[in-house]
């Protein structure tokens, strides 16, 4: 089943979900490692971090387009509070998946560094400006932290639904069904 139904997610949605989760965790890990990495590895780590960040930005646009062109599986929960929390987490995730790559791109520009996509230099969208370097770095860090904390919350919620509520929330997004 390629497309979503009102009961569960289709192959495309599942692929977006799991592959983006893996890429996102890897990018967050690389970003955190880069702050504690010797210079000889730093450039390579940042090349991969930045390139995958750009891929996340592209994938999140494609993912939203796919989401809007498919039915969304019905809510399993009858709890208004849980459904509102789920919608809030969804919004925060997507906000973060837009904000982190954009702020990262701007940060590189403000620092006067090349933005490379797997070795291909991309155009600068803002001028280099040392006065805003710390601010841009903080915004990018906050966006990354927001994604990480939201990921952890999402993971805990998935476990809660699967092991405590014992509902179909987690199984609807699994590949093998």
Protein backbone atom coordinates (compact mmCIF):
# COMPACT_ATOMS: atom_id res chain seq x y z
CA UNK A 1 0.00 0.00 0.00
CA UNK A 2 1.66 3.20 -1.22
CA UNK A 3 -0.89 5.77 -0.05
CA UNK A 4 -2.33 6.36 3.40
CA UNK A 5 -5.77 5.13 4.38
CA UNK A 6 -7.97 6.28 7.23
CA UNK A 7 -6.65 3.28 9.20
CA UNK A 8 -2.86 3.44 8.67
CA UNK A 9 0.03 5.10 6.92
CA UNK A 10 1.18 4.04 3.46
CA UNK A 11 4.68 3.16 2.32
CA UNK A 12 5.64 6.70 1.29
CA UNK A 13 4.61 8.22 4.64
CA UNK A 14 6.37 5.44 6.54
CA UNK A 15 9.52 5.93 4.47
CA UNK A 16 9.50 9.68 5.10
CA UNK A 17 8.94 9.10 8.82
CA UNK A 18 11.68 6.55 9.47
CA UNK A 19 14.34 7.81 7.08
CA UNK A 20 13.92 11.39 8.22
CA UNK A 21 14.10 10.28 11.85
CA UNK A 22 17.39 8.53 11.15
CA UNK A 23 18.85 11.43 9.18
CA UNK A 24 17.67 13.94 11.77
CA UNK A 25 19.26 12.06 14.66
CA UNK A 26 22.50 11.70 12.71
CA UNK A 27 22.56 15.43 11.87
CA UNK A 28 21.92 16.35 15.50
CA UNK A 29 24.71 14.01 16.58
CA UNK A 30 27.13 15.49 14.03
CA UNK A 31 26.21 19.02 15.09
CA UNK A 32 26.93 18.24 18.72
CA UNK A 33 30.13 16.34 17.90
CA UNK A 34 31.43 19.18 15.74
CA UNK A 35 31.73 21.43 18.77
CA UNK A 36 34.22 19.00 20.32
CA UNK A 37 36.10 17.83 17.22
CA UNK A 38 39.67 18.60 16.18
CA UNK A 39 39.99 20.93 13.17
CA UNK A 40 41.19 18.15 10.86
CA UNK A 41 37.81 16.37 11.24
CA UNK A 42 35.66 19.45 11.76
CA UNK A 43 35.40 20.46 8.11
CA UNK A 44 34.30 16.97 7.05
CA UNK A 45 31.76 16.72 9.89
CA UNK A 46 30.33 20.10 8.98
CA UNK A 47 30.17 19.20 5.28
CA UNK A 48 28.08 16.13 6.10
CA UNK A 49 26.05 17.98 8.76
CA UNK A 50 25.24 20.86 6.41
CA UNK A 51 24.52 18.65 3.40
CA UNK A 52 22.17 16.40 5.35
CA UNK A 53 20.52 19.50 6.87
CA UNK A 54 19.73 20.71 3.36
CA UNK A 55 18.37 17.27 2.49
CA UNK A 56 16.12 17.43 5.58
CA UNK A 57 14.83 20.81 4.44
CA UNK A 58 13.97 19.42 1.00
CA UNK A 59 12.45 16.25 2.45
CA UNK A 60 10.27 18.15 4.90
CA UNK A 61 8.76 20.12 2.02
CA UNK A 62 8.13 16.91 0.06
CA UNK A 63 6.78 15.24 3.19
CA UNK A 64 4.28 18.03 3.80
CA UNK A 65 3.15 17.94 0.18
CA UNK A 66 2.66 14.18 0.47
CA UNK A 67 0.83 14.59 3.79
CA UNK A 68 -1.54 17.18 2.35
CA UNK A 69 -2.29 15.02 -0.71
CA UNK A 70 -3.17 11.90 1.31
CA UNK A 71 -5.81 11.02 3.84
CA UNK A 72 -4.59 11.21 7.42
CA UNK A 73 -5.31 8.10 9.46
CA UNK A 74 -8.05 8.73 11.99
CA UNK A 75 -7.06 9.52 15.54
CA UNK A 76 -7.04 6.42 17.69
CA UNK A 77 -7.35 8.46 20.85
CA UNK A 78 -10.67 9.76 21.97
CA UNK A 79 -8.87 12.08 24.37
CA UNK A 80 -9.01 15.70 23.25
CA UNK A 81 -5.92 16.49 25.30
CA UNK A 82 -3.81 13.74 23.70
CA UNK A 83 -4.96 14.77 20.22
CA UNK A 84 -4.11 18.40 20.90
CA UNK A 85 -0.70 17.40 22.27
CA UNK A 86 -0.13 15.28 19.18
CA UNK A 87 -0.98 18.24 16.92
CA UNK A 88 1.31 20.51 18.95
CA UNK A 89 4.21 18.05 18.66
CA UNK A 90 3.55 17.78 14.91
CA UNK A 91 3.71 21.57 14.59
CA UNK A 92 6.88 21.85 16.68
CA UNK A 93 8.58 19.09 14.67
CA UNK A 94 7.84 20.73 11.36
CA UNK A 95 8.76 24.17 12.67
CA UNK A 96 12.08 22.75 13.84
CA UNK A 97 12.71 20.89 10.60
CA UNK A 98 12.32 24.19 8.76
CA UNK A 99 14.02 26.41 11.32
CA UNK A 100 17.17 24.33 11.88
CA UNK A 101 18.28 24.16 8.22
CA UNK A 102 17.36 27.80 7.56
CA UNK A 103 19.16 29.09 10.65
CA UNK A 104 22.13 26.85 9.88
CA UNK A 105 22.37 28.22 6.35
CA UNK A 106 22.11 31.80 7.62
CA UNK A 107 24.68 31.05 10.33
CA UNK A 108 27.21 29.85 7.75
CA UNK A 109 26.57 33.00 5.69
CA UNK A 110 26.92 35.32 8.69
CA UNK A 111 30.17 33.60 9.68
CA UNK A 112 31.44 34.23 6.15
CA UNK A 113 31.82 30.51 5.44
CA UNK A 114 30.89 28.68 2.27
CA UNK A 115 27.71 26.66 2.38
CA UNK A 116 28.59 23.38 0.70
CA UNK A 117 26.17 20.71 -0.41
CA UNK A 118 28.38 17.62 -0.71
CA UNK A 119 31.20 19.83 -2.02
CA UNK A 120 29.12 22.11 -4.26
CA UNK A 121 29.14 25.72 -3.11
CA UNK A 122 25.70 27.25 -2.71
CA UNK A 123 24.78 30.90 -2.97
CA UNK A 124 24.89 33.11 0.13
CA UNK A 125 21.54 34.58 1.11
CA UNK A 126 22.84 37.07 3.70
CA UNK A 127 26.05 39.04 4.09
CA UNK A 128 28.80 38.10 6.50
CA UNK A 129 28.29 39.98 9.76
CA UNK A 130 30.27 39.29 12.93
CA UNK A 131 27.82 41.34 15.00
CA UNK A 132 25.09 38.75 14.48
CA UNK A 133 27.24 35.62 14.61
CA UNK A 134 26.44 34.76 18.24
CA UNK A 135 22.73 35.45 17.73
CA UNK A 136 22.61 33.24 14.62
CA UNK A 137 24.51 30.49 16.43
CA UNK A 138 22.06 30.67 19.34
CA UNK A 139 19.01 30.50 17.04
CA UNK A 140 20.44 27.47 15.26
CA UNK A 141 21.26 25.80 18.59
CA UNK A 142 17.76 26.45 19.90
CA UNK A 143 16.23 24.99 16.73
CA UNK A 144 18.41 21.88 17.09
CA UNK A 145 17.59 21.52 20.78
CA UNK A 146 13.90 21.95 20.01
CA UNK A 147 14.12 19.10 17.50
CA UNK A 148 16.01 16.87 19.91
CA UNK A 149 13.63 17.45 22.82
CA UNK A 150 10.59 17.01 20.59
CA UNK A 151 12.10 13.79 19.23
CA UNK A 152 12.55 12.47 22.76
CA UNK A 153 8.98 13.44 23.66
CA UNK A 154 7.70 11.76 20.48
CA UNK A 155 9.67 8.59 21.27
CA UNK A 156 8.33 8.46 24.83
CA UNK A 157 4.78 9.00 23.54
CA UNK A 158 5.20 6.14 21.05
CA UNK A 159 6.33 3.83 23.85
CA UNK A 160 3.44 5.03 26.04
CA UNK A 161 0.92 4.22 23.32
CA UNK A 162 2.46 0.86 22.53
CA UNK A 163 3.17 -0.50 26.01
CA UNK A 164 0.76 1.30 28.33
CA UNK A 165 -2.28 2.19 26.25
CA UNK A 166 -1.69 -0.82 23.96
CA UNK A 167 -3.29 0.91 21.00
CA UNK A 168 -2.38 0.84 17.29
CA UNK A 169 -0.55 4.18 17.20
CA UNK A 170 2.93 2.71 16.78
CA UNK A 171 1.96 -0.26 14.62
CA UNK A 172 0.32 1.99 12.01
CA UNK A 173 3.70 3.51 11.15
CA UNK A 174 5.71 0.25 11.14
CA UNK A 175 7.00 -1.07 7.80
CA UNK A 176 5.99 -4.69 8.26
CA UNK A 177 2.23 -4.31 8.31
